[in-house]
Amino acid sequence: MGIALSDELRLIAQPLEFIPAEPFAAFLDRLKELLREKEVDLVLVGMPRNMDGSYGPAALKVQAFVAVLRDAVAVPIQTWDERLTSVQAHRFLRQAGVRREQRKQRVDGTAAAILLQSYLDAQAGG
């Protein structure tokens, strides 16, 4: 899973790292470590939606993931529409001249940063 973080002023999002989702216990351990280290006060989770705005089977998996996460961490968790973040991430990395092999490794973190930036912009009214 791609992990992104904002600056202290909550203006700019940037990719932080990629944490493999499996094994889940190791994912949770690393996530908790990052939450402590970076003094995170909100976890934002991408919610997959269909282009018409409806929710499909992938959204049910995310809802189950969020339920488990809420029991595992003390930080508030919120979902945010992630439509087209991966498409945008691929486009951004391609335009930045990142080679195809490296794009695969960086797309999740970049998509997480795009998702977070979208949230930050909405909170700022822009």
Protein backbone atom coordinates (compact mmCIF):
# COMPACT_ATOMS: atom_id res chain seq x y z
CA MET A 1 0.00 0.00 0.00
CA GLY A 2 1.24 3.42 -0.88
CA ILE A 3 1.77 5.74 2.07
CA ALA A 4 1.88 9.53 1.72
CA LEU A 5 2.31 12.31 4.23
CA SER A 6 1.58 16.02 4.22
CA ASP A 7 3.81 18.79 5.47
CA GLU A 8 2.99 20.31 8.89
CA LEU A 9 0.97 23.12 7.29
CA ARG A 10 -1.14 20.54 5.44
CA LEU A 11 -0.47 22.16 2.09
CA ILE A 12 1.64 19.63 0.20
CA ALA A 13 1.40 15.83 0.05
CA GLN A 14 4.34 13.65 -0.86
CA PRO A 15 4.88 9.90 -1.18
CA LEU A 16 6.52 8.40 1.89
CA GLU A 17 6.88 4.67 1.28
CA PHE A 18 5.26 1.47 0.09
CA ILE A 19 4.22 -1.12 2.69
CA PRO A 20 3.28 -4.60 1.42
CA ALA A 21 -0.29 -5.43 2.49
CA GLU A 22 0.67 -9.01 3.30
CA PRO A 23 1.46 -10.28 5.81
CA PHE A 24 -1.15 -8.03 7.36
CA ALA A 25 0.40 -8.14 10.85
CA ALA A 26 3.67 -6.77 9.44
CA PHE A 27 1.74 -4.08 7.55
CA LEU A 28 -0.01 -3.02 10.76
CA ASP A 29 3.24 -2.98 12.72
CA ARG A 30 4.93 -0.70 10.17
CA LEU A 31 1.86 1.54 9.88
CA LYS A 32 1.69 1.96 13.67
CA GLU A 33 5.39 2.76 13.72
CA LEU A 34 4.90 5.48 11.08
CA LEU A 35 1.87 6.90 12.92
CA ARG A 36 4.00 7.31 16.05
CA GLU A 37 7.14 8.57 14.31
CA LYS A 38 5.37 11.12 12.14
CA GLU A 39 2.77 12.11 14.78
CA VAL A 40 -0.07 11.47 12.36
CA ASP A 41 -3.48 12.79 13.41
CA LEU A 42 -5.59 11.37 10.55
CA VAL A 43 -5.35 8.28 8.35
CA LEU A 44 -6.89 8.77 4.93
CA VAL A 45 -7.86 5.61 3.03
CA GLY A 46 -8.72 5.62 -0.65
CA MET A 47 -12.28 4.49 -1.35
CA PRO A 48 -12.69 2.96 -4.81
CA ARG A 49 -15.80 4.15 -6.61
CA ASN A 50 -17.17 3.45 -10.03
CA MET A 51 -17.08 6.30 -12.51
CA ASP A 52 -20.81 6.91 -11.89
CA GLY A 53 -20.05 7.38 -8.17
CA SER A 54 -21.51 4.05 -7.05
CA TYR A 55 -19.64 1.55 -4.90
CA GLY A 56 -18.60 -1.88 -6.18
CA PRO A 57 -17.03 -5.02 -4.69
CA ALA A 58 -13.65 -3.31 -4.18
CA ALA A 59 -15.33 -0.75 -1.91
CA LEU A 60 -16.63 -3.54 0.32
CA LYS A 61 -13.07 -4.79 0.77
CA VAL A 62 -11.93 -1.30 1.72
CA GLN A 63 -14.79 -0.95 4.21
CA ALA A 64 -13.73 -4.22 5.84
CA PHE A 65 -10.10 -3.04 5.89
CA VAL A 66 -11.11 0.26 7.52
CA ALA A 67 -13.12 -1.60 10.18
CA VAL A 68 -10.06 -3.68 11.10
CA LEU A 69 -7.83 -0.60 11.02
CA ARG A 70 -10.15 1.30 13.36
CA ASP A 71 -9.73 -1.46 15.95
CA ALA A 72 -5.95 -1.49 15.51
CA VAL A 73 -5.01 2.20 15.67
CA ALA A 74 -6.07 5.12 17.83
CA VAL A 75 -5.83 7.70 15.02
CA PRO A 76 -9.11 8.72 13.32
CA ILE A 77 -9.64 7.14 9.89
CA GLN A 78 -11.47 8.70 6.99
CA THR A 79 -12.09 7.45 3.46
CA TRP A 80 -11.68 9.61 0.36
CA ASP A 81 -12.69 9.06 -3.26
CA GLU A 82 -9.71 7.56 -5.08
CA ARG A 83 -11.12 7.54 -8.61
CA LEU A 84 -8.41 7.97 -11.23
CA THR A 85 -5.54 8.41 -8.73
CA SER A 86 -3.62 5.47 -10.24
CA VAL A 87 -4.22 6.80 -13.75
CA GLN A 88 -2.94 10.22 -12.66
CA ALA A 89 0.05 8.62 -10.92
CA HIS A 90 1.04 6.67 -14.04
CA ARG A 91 0.68 9.81 -16.18
CA PHE A 92 2.70 11.93 -13.74
CA LEU A 93 5.52 9.40 -13.49
CA ARG A 94 5.61 8.94 -17.27
CA GLN A 95 5.77 12.71 -17.82
CA ALA A 96 8.52 12.95 -15.20
CA GLY A 97 10.58 10.54 -17.28
CA VAL A 98 10.46 7.67 -14.79
CA ARG A 99 11.31 4.40 -16.54
CA ARG A 100 8.60 1.75 -16.82
CA GLU A 101 10.31 -0.63 -14.36
CA GLN A 102 10.58 2.12 -11.75
CA ARG A 103 7.02 3.34 -12.35
CA LYS A 104 5.63 0.01 -11.13
CA GLN A 105 7.49 0.47 -7.85
CA ARG A 106 6.47 4.10 -7.37
CA VAL A 107 2.88 4.24 -8.59
CA ASP A 108 1.20 3.33 -5.27
CA GLY A 109 3.06 5.97 -3.29
CA THR A 110 2.43 8.55 -5.98
CA ALA A 111 -1.27 7.65 -6.10
CA ALA A 112 -1.41 7.97 -2.30
CA ALA A 113 0.12 11.44 -2.54
CA ILE A 114 -2.40 12.44 -5.23
CA LEU A 115 -5.24 11.18 -3.02
CA LEU A 116 -3.92 13.10 -0.01
CA GLN A 117 -3.36 16.25 -2.06
CA SER A 118 -6.95 16.06 -3.28
CA TYR A 119 -8.13 15.86 0.33
CA LEU A 120 -5.86 18.72 1.46
CA ASP A 121 -7.05 20.91 -1.42
CA ALA A 122 -10.69 20.21 -0.56
CA GLN A 123 -10.09 21.08 3.12
CA ALA A 124 -8.44 24.36 2.08
CA GLY A 125 -11.38 25.19 -0.14
CA GLY A 126 -9.41 24.84 -3.34
